[in-house]
Amino acid sequence: MSNNRISSLEKIGYQKNLPKGSDINDFEVISITQKNGIKINLYRNKKEKKEIDDTTNFDSSWEVFNSLL
């Protein structure tokens, strides 16, 4: 996996290393295998995870739907 892909995952909150003294159960883990076969674990705090709200996308879709009626 390219460094660009890893940096994009870091932008949404994944880290390469766990902070000292943190509990592994408080983090979600994804394992990534790079093209050269090296596996990397990335960690993201479950409490800081942002939920995606697609309400605005639905509103715009609904407006388009109504305009076509």
N, C-alpha and C. Protein backbone atom coordinates (compact mmCIF):
# COMPACT_ATOMS: atom_id res chain seq x y z
N MET A 1 0.85 -1.17 0.00
CA MET A 1 0.00 0.00 0.00
C MET A 1 0.90 1.23 0.00
N SER A 2 0.53 2.20 -0.77
CA SER A 2 1.36 3.39 -0.90
C SER A 2 1.26 4.27 0.35
N ASN A 3 2.27 5.11 0.48
CA ASN A 3 2.28 6.04 1.61
C ASN A 3 1.13 7.02 1.51
N ASN A 4 0.66 7.31 0.29
CA ASN A 4 -0.48 8.22 0.13
C ASN A 4 -1.72 7.65 0.79
N ARG A 5 -1.94 6.34 0.62
CA ARG A 5 -3.11 5.70 1.21
C ARG A 5 -3.01 5.69 2.73
N ILE A 6 -1.83 5.43 3.25
CA ILE A 6 -1.64 5.43 4.69
C ILE A 6 -1.85 6.84 5.24
N SER A 7 -1.34 7.85 4.55
CA SER A 7 -1.52 9.21 5.05
C SER A 7 -2.98 9.62 4.99
N SER A 8 -3.75 9.11 4.02
CA SER A 8 -5.17 9.43 3.98
C SER A 8 -5.90 8.77 5.15
N LEU A 9 -5.46 7.60 5.56
CA LEU A 9 -6.04 6.95 6.74
C LEU A 9 -5.66 7.71 8.01
N GLU A 10 -4.45 8.25 8.03
CA GLU A 10 -4.03 9.04 9.19
C GLU A 10 -4.84 10.33 9.30
N LYS A 11 -5.29 10.86 8.18
CA LYS A 11 -6.10 12.07 8.20
C LYS A 11 -7.44 11.84 8.88
N ILE A 12 -7.95 10.62 8.81
CA ILE A 12 -9.24 10.34 9.45
C ILE A 12 -9.08 9.75 10.84
N GLY A 13 -7.85 9.82 11.39
CA GLY A 13 -7.66 9.49 12.79
C GLY A 13 -6.87 8.24 13.10
N TYR A 14 -6.40 7.51 12.11
CA TYR A 14 -5.60 6.32 12.38
C TYR A 14 -4.17 6.72 12.71
N GLN A 15 -3.56 5.94 13.63
CA GLN A 15 -2.18 6.18 14.05
C GLN A 15 -1.39 4.90 13.86
N LYS A 16 -0.08 5.05 13.61
CA LYS A 16 0.77 3.88 13.45
C LYS A 16 1.10 3.23 14.79
N ASN A 17 1.14 4.03 15.85
CA ASN A 17 1.51 3.53 17.17
C ASN A 17 0.45 3.89 18.19
N LEU A 18 0.28 3.01 19.16
CA LEU A 18 -0.62 3.31 20.27
C LEU A 18 0.06 4.27 21.23
N PRO A 19 -0.68 5.22 21.79
CA PRO A 19 -0.11 6.08 22.82
C PRO A 19 0.26 5.24 24.06
N LYS A 20 1.32 5.66 24.76
CA LYS A 20 1.76 4.92 25.93
C LYS A 20 0.68 4.92 27.00
N GLY A 21 0.49 3.77 27.62
CA GLY A 21 -0.46 3.63 28.71
C GLY A 21 -1.91 3.50 28.26
N SER A 22 -2.14 3.36 26.96
CA SER A 22 -3.51 3.25 26.49
C SER A 22 -3.94 1.79 26.42
N ASP A 23 -5.23 1.58 26.51
CA ASP A 23 -5.81 0.24 26.48
C ASP A 23 -6.14 -0.13 25.04
N ILE A 24 -5.69 -1.28 24.59
CA ILE A 24 -5.93 -1.73 23.22
C ILE A 24 -7.42 -1.88 22.93
N ASN A 25 -8.21 -2.14 23.96
CA ASN A 25 -9.65 -2.32 23.78
C ASN A 25 -10.38 -1.02 23.46
N ASP A 26 -9.72 0.12 23.69
CA ASP A 26 -10.31 1.41 23.37
C ASP A 26 -10.05 1.83 21.93
N PHE A 27 -9.35 0.99 21.17
CA PHE A 27 -8.97 1.33 19.82
C PHE A 27 -9.48 0.28 18.84
N GLU A 28 -9.83 0.74 17.64
CA GLU A 28 -10.11 -0.20 16.56
C GLU A 28 -8.82 -0.33 15.75
N VAL A 29 -8.59 -1.54 15.24
CA VAL A 29 -7.33 -1.84 14.56
C VAL A 29 -7.62 -2.32 13.15
N ILE A 30 -6.86 -1.78 12.19
CA ILE A 30 -6.90 -2.33 10.84
C ILE A 30 -5.49 -2.75 10.48
N SER A 31 -5.39 -3.85 9.77
CA SER A 31 -4.10 -4.37 9.34
C SER A 31 -3.98 -4.18 7.84
N ILE A 32 -2.90 -3.56 7.42
CA ILE A 32 -2.68 -3.26 6.01
C ILE A 32 -1.42 -3.97 5.57
N THR A 33 -1.48 -4.63 4.41
CA THR A 33 -0.31 -5.27 3.83
C THR A 33 0.17 -4.43 2.66
N GLN A 34 1.42 -4.00 2.73
CA GLN A 34 1.99 -3.20 1.66
C GLN A 34 2.38 -4.09 0.50
N LYS A 35 2.72 -3.48 -0.62
CA LYS A 35 3.09 -4.23 -1.81
C LYS A 35 4.31 -5.11 -1.58
N ASN A 36 5.21 -4.67 -0.70
CA ASN A 36 6.41 -5.44 -0.43
C ASN A 36 6.18 -6.54 0.60
N GLY A 37 4.95 -6.72 1.07
CA GLY A 37 4.60 -7.79 1.99
C GLY A 37 4.66 -7.43 3.46
N ILE A 38 5.08 -6.23 3.78
CA ILE A 38 5.15 -5.80 5.17
C ILE A 38 3.76 -5.44 5.66
N LYS A 39 3.39 -5.98 6.84
CA LYS A 39 2.08 -5.68 7.42
C LYS A 39 2.22 -4.54 8.41
N ILE A 40 1.26 -3.61 8.34
CA ILE A 40 1.22 -2.46 9.24
C ILE A 40 -0.13 -2.45 9.93
N ASN A 41 -0.11 -2.25 11.24
CA ASN A 41 -1.34 -2.09 12.01
C ASN A 41 -1.56 -0.61 12.25
N LEU A 42 -2.77 -0.15 11.99
CA LEU A 42 -3.15 1.23 12.27
C LEU A 42 -4.24 1.22 13.31
N TYR A 43 -4.18 2.17 14.24
CA TYR A 43 -5.10 2.23 15.38
C TYR A 43 -5.88 3.53 15.35
N ARG A 44 -7.16 3.45 15.73
CA ARG A 44 -7.99 4.64 15.85
C ARG A 44 -8.82 4.53 17.12
N ASN A 45 -8.83 5.60 17.90
CA ASN A 45 -9.58 5.64 19.14
C ASN A 45 -11.07 5.58 18.84
N LYS A 46 -11.77 4.64 19.47
CA LYS A 46 -13.21 4.48 19.22
C LYS A 46 -14.00 5.69 19.69
N LYS A 47 -13.55 6.34 20.75
CA LYS A 47 -14.28 7.48 21.29
C LYS A 47 -14.17 8.71 20.40
N GLU A 48 -13.09 8.85 19.66
CA GLU A 48 -12.87 10.01 18.82
C GLU A 48 -13.35 9.79 17.39
N LYS A 49 -13.92 8.64 17.13
CA LYS A 49 -14.40 8.31 15.79
C LYS A 49 -15.58 9.20 15.43
N LYS A 50 -15.50 9.81 14.26
CA LYS A 50 -16.57 10.69 13.80
C LYS A 50 -17.57 9.87 13.00
N GLU A 51 -18.82 10.02 13.34
CA GLU A 51 -19.87 9.34 12.59
C GLU A 51 -20.25 10.21 11.39
N ILE A 52 -20.44 9.59 10.27
CA ILE A 52 -20.79 10.32 9.05
C ILE A 52 -22.30 10.52 9.01
N ASP A 53 -22.69 11.75 8.84
CA ASP A 53 -24.10 12.08 8.76
C ASP A 53 -24.44 12.45 7.33
N ASP A 54 -25.16 11.60 6.64
CA ASP A 54 -25.50 11.84 5.24
C ASP A 54 -26.85 12.53 5.08
N THR A 55 -27.32 13.21 6.10
CA THR A 55 -28.60 13.91 6.02
C THR A 55 -28.57 14.97 4.93
N THR A 56 -27.48 15.69 4.82
CA THR A 56 -27.40 16.73 3.79
C THR A 56 -27.40 16.11 2.41
N ASN A 57 -26.74 14.99 2.23
CA ASN A 57 -26.75 14.32 0.94
C ASN A 57 -28.17 13.86 0.60
N PHE A 58 -28.88 13.36 1.59
CA PHE A 58 -30.26 12.93 1.37
C PHE A 58 -31.14 14.11 0.99
N ASP A 59 -30.96 15.23 1.66
CA ASP A 59 -31.76 16.42 1.35
C ASP A 59 -31.56 16.87 -0.09
N SER A 60 -30.33 16.89 -0.55
CA SER A 60 -30.09 17.31 -1.93
C SER A 60 -30.66 16.30 -2.91
N SER A 61 -30.57 15.01 -2.59
CA SER A 61 -31.14 13.98 -3.46
C SER A 61 -32.66 14.10 -3.52
N TRP A 62 -33.26 14.41 -2.38
CA TRP A 62 -34.71 14.56 -2.31
C TRP A 62 -35.16 15.75 -3.15
N GLU A 63 -34.40 16.83 -3.13
CA GLU A 63 -34.74 18.01 -3.94
C GLU A 63 -34.68 17.68 -5.42
N VAL A 64 -33.66 16.93 -5.84
CA VAL A 64 -33.55 16.52 -7.24
C VAL A 64 -34.71 15.63 -7.62
N PHE A 65 -35.05 14.70 -6.76
CA PHE A 65 -36.16 13.79 -7.03
C PHE A 65 -37.46 14.56 -7.21
N ASN A 66 -37.73 15.50 -6.31
CA ASN A 66 -38.96 16.29 -6.40
C ASN A 66 -38.98 17.18 -7.63
N SER A 67 -37.82 17.65 -8.05
CA SER A 67 -37.79 18.52 -9.24
C SER A 67 -38.09 17.72 -10.51
N LEU A 68 -37.87 16.43 -10.49
CA LEU A 68 -38.13 15.61 -11.66
C LEU A 68 -39.56 15.10 -11.73
N LEU A 69 -40.34 15.32 -10.70
CA LEU A 69 -41.73 14.85 -10.69
C LEU A 69 -42.61 15.73 -11.54
